[in-house]
Structure formats: structure tokens, C-alpha cells
């Protein structure tokens, strides 16, 4: 039986700021709203927190879905895996918009 760990506060491994639970616009906090860094913690689905890698993930760009929603692309500095994360309502939007815009290819890759 898989268990989900919902939203939790944490100290960002990159900027060292305290990140509080997400207030609205999502169920899982998956990156720092201040510096946009993340941790490689989820394995099969958002919130499962079962990945053993635990590497720091840097934001390398963003793309827009057909709906207009912005999605941040994170790359793990340990294993190189790239993961897409929806922006959160409290993300630093200037920082998101300063990232290079990427084009999503057919099949979901960058």
C-alpha cells in the first residue's frame, strides 16, 4: 500500500529559507518558492516521497501547457533526471519568468 505524504514545511537545501505548506493552488509542495530549487524525493507520483536519490534539483527552464499553465523543469544534480513541476501560487513569478522558456516535444520530453 502506497502512502502519500501531503504538503509539509521544510528548509530549502539551496537558499536555506523556511518554506511553509502550500496555501492554495496545489496539494504537494515540490520546490522552494523563493529560489525554485527542489529535491529529488518523489518516485512514482507527486507526494509519495519514496525516491532514495534525494539530490538537489535546479530549475533549468519552464514551458507553458496548452492551457497557459506554467511548468518548471527541474534537473537533479545527482542523477540528472528531469522532472516537470507546476508552478505554485506563491512562487516568485519574476524568477520563474527569468528562466529560459523551453519547448515541449511530442511525447512529453524537452
Protein backbone atom coordinates (compact mmCIF):
# COMPACT_ATOMS: atom_id res chain seq x y z
CA UNK A 1 0.00 0.00 0.00
CA UNK A 2 1.47 3.32 -1.07
CA UNK A 3 1.16 6.20 1.30
CA UNK A 4 1.09 9.82 0.28
CA UNK A 5 2.79 12.46 2.35
CA UNK A 6 0.82 15.61 1.77
CA UNK A 7 2.27 19.05 1.99
CA UNK A 8 5.00 19.70 4.58
CA UNK A 9 7.12 22.68 5.58
CA UNK A 10 10.90 22.37 5.10
CA UNK A 11 14.18 24.28 5.00
CA UNK A 12 15.39 24.74 1.42
CA UNK A 13 18.69 22.94 0.77
CA UNK A 14 19.76 25.72 -1.60
CA UNK A 15 18.76 29.09 -0.10
CA UNK A 16 18.23 27.85 3.49
CA UNK A 17 14.89 29.67 3.84
CA UNK A 18 11.96 28.12 5.66
CA UNK A 19 9.27 27.06 3.20
CA UNK A 20 5.75 26.75 4.60
CA UNK A 21 2.96 24.44 3.48
CA UNK A 22 1.26 25.45 0.27
CA UNK A 23 -1.83 27.54 0.99
CA UNK A 24 -3.72 27.09 -2.30
CA UNK A 25 -3.16 26.01 -5.89
CA UNK A 26 -1.87 22.51 -5.21
CA UNK A 27 -1.68 19.62 -2.77
CA UNK A 28 2.07 18.99 -2.68
CA UNK A 29 4.93 21.41 -2.12
CA UNK A 30 7.59 20.23 -4.55
CA UNK A 31 10.01 23.18 -4.74
CA UNK A 32 11.12 26.31 -2.92
CA UNK A 33 9.00 29.34 -3.91
CA UNK A 34 11.96 31.68 -3.28
CA UNK A 35 14.83 30.14 -5.29
CA UNK A 36 12.81 27.48 -7.21
CA UNK A 37 15.16 24.63 -6.24
CA UNK A 38 13.70 21.23 -5.39
CA UNK A 39 14.74 17.84 -4.01
CA UNK A 40 14.56 14.57 -5.89
CA UNK A 41 12.21 12.88 -3.41
CA UNK A 42 9.19 11.55 -5.32
CA UNK A 43 9.47 8.23 -7.12
CA UNK A 44 6.27 7.28 -8.93
CA UNK A 45 3.82 10.07 -8.18
CA UNK A 46 3.78 13.50 -6.59
CA UNK A 47 3.85 13.32 -2.82
CA UNK A 48 4.99 9.70 -2.43
CA UNK A 49 8.44 10.81 -1.13
CA UNK A 50 9.89 7.35 -1.89
CA UNK A 51 12.88 8.25 -4.08
CA UNK A 52 16.21 7.33 -2.50
CA UNK A 53 18.23 9.76 -4.66
CA UNK A 54 17.43 12.85 -2.54
CA UNK A 55 19.58 15.01 -4.84
CA UNK A 56 19.15 18.76 -5.12
CA UNK A 57 17.25 19.74 -8.28
CA UNK A 58 17.96 23.00 -10.07
CA UNK A 59 15.33 24.78 -12.16
CA UNK A 60 16.61 24.84 -15.76
CA UNK A 61 13.64 26.36 -17.56
CA UNK A 62 9.89 26.43 -17.92
CA UNK A 63 7.26 25.74 -20.52
CA UNK A 64 3.60 26.61 -20.94
CA UNK A 65 0.96 23.96 -21.31
CA UNK A 66 -1.79 24.45 -23.88
CA UNK A 67 -3.94 25.72 -21.02
CA UNK A 68 -1.42 28.51 -20.36
CA UNK A 69 -0.25 26.96 -17.09
CA UNK A 70 3.50 27.41 -16.49
CA UNK A 71 5.55 24.34 -15.56
CA UNK A 72 9.10 24.46 -14.15
CA UNK A 73 11.64 21.93 -15.44
CA UNK A 74 13.97 20.70 -12.69
CA UNK A 75 17.16 18.65 -13.25
CA UNK A 76 18.68 16.54 -10.46
CA UNK A 77 22.32 17.44 -9.79
CA UNK A 78 22.99 13.86 -8.61
CA UNK A 79 21.37 11.57 -11.20
CA UNK A 80 20.42 14.00 -13.99
CA UNK A 81 16.71 13.11 -14.11
CA UNK A 82 14.45 15.91 -15.32
CA UNK A 83 11.06 16.43 -13.69
CA UNK A 84 8.22 18.82 -14.50
CA UNK A 85 6.59 20.70 -11.63
CA UNK A 86 3.59 23.01 -11.83
CA UNK A 87 4.28 26.48 -10.53
CA UNK A 88 2.72 27.18 -7.14
CA UNK A 89 0.57 30.17 -6.28
CA UNK A 90 3.29 31.66 -4.08
CA UNK A 91 6.28 31.11 -6.40
CA UNK A 92 8.45 34.13 -7.19
CA UNK A 93 6.93 34.74 -10.62
CA UNK A 94 9.75 37.07 -11.66
CA UNK A 95 12.20 34.24 -11.02
CA UNK A 96 10.02 31.80 -12.98
CA UNK A 97 9.78 34.21 -15.92
CA UNK A 98 13.56 34.78 -15.84
CA UNK A 99 14.11 31.07 -16.62
CA UNK A 100 14.60 30.16 -20.27
CA UNK A 101 11.36 29.12 -21.96
CA UNK A 102 11.62 25.57 -23.28
CA UNK A 103 9.65 23.82 -25.98
CA UNK A 104 7.87 20.61 -25.06
CA UNK A 105 8.31 17.94 -27.73
CA UNK A 106 5.71 15.37 -28.68
CA UNK A 107 5.84 12.56 -26.18
CA UNK A 108 6.40 14.89 -23.25
CA UNK A 109 10.18 15.44 -23.43
CA UNK A 110 12.12 18.67 -23.60
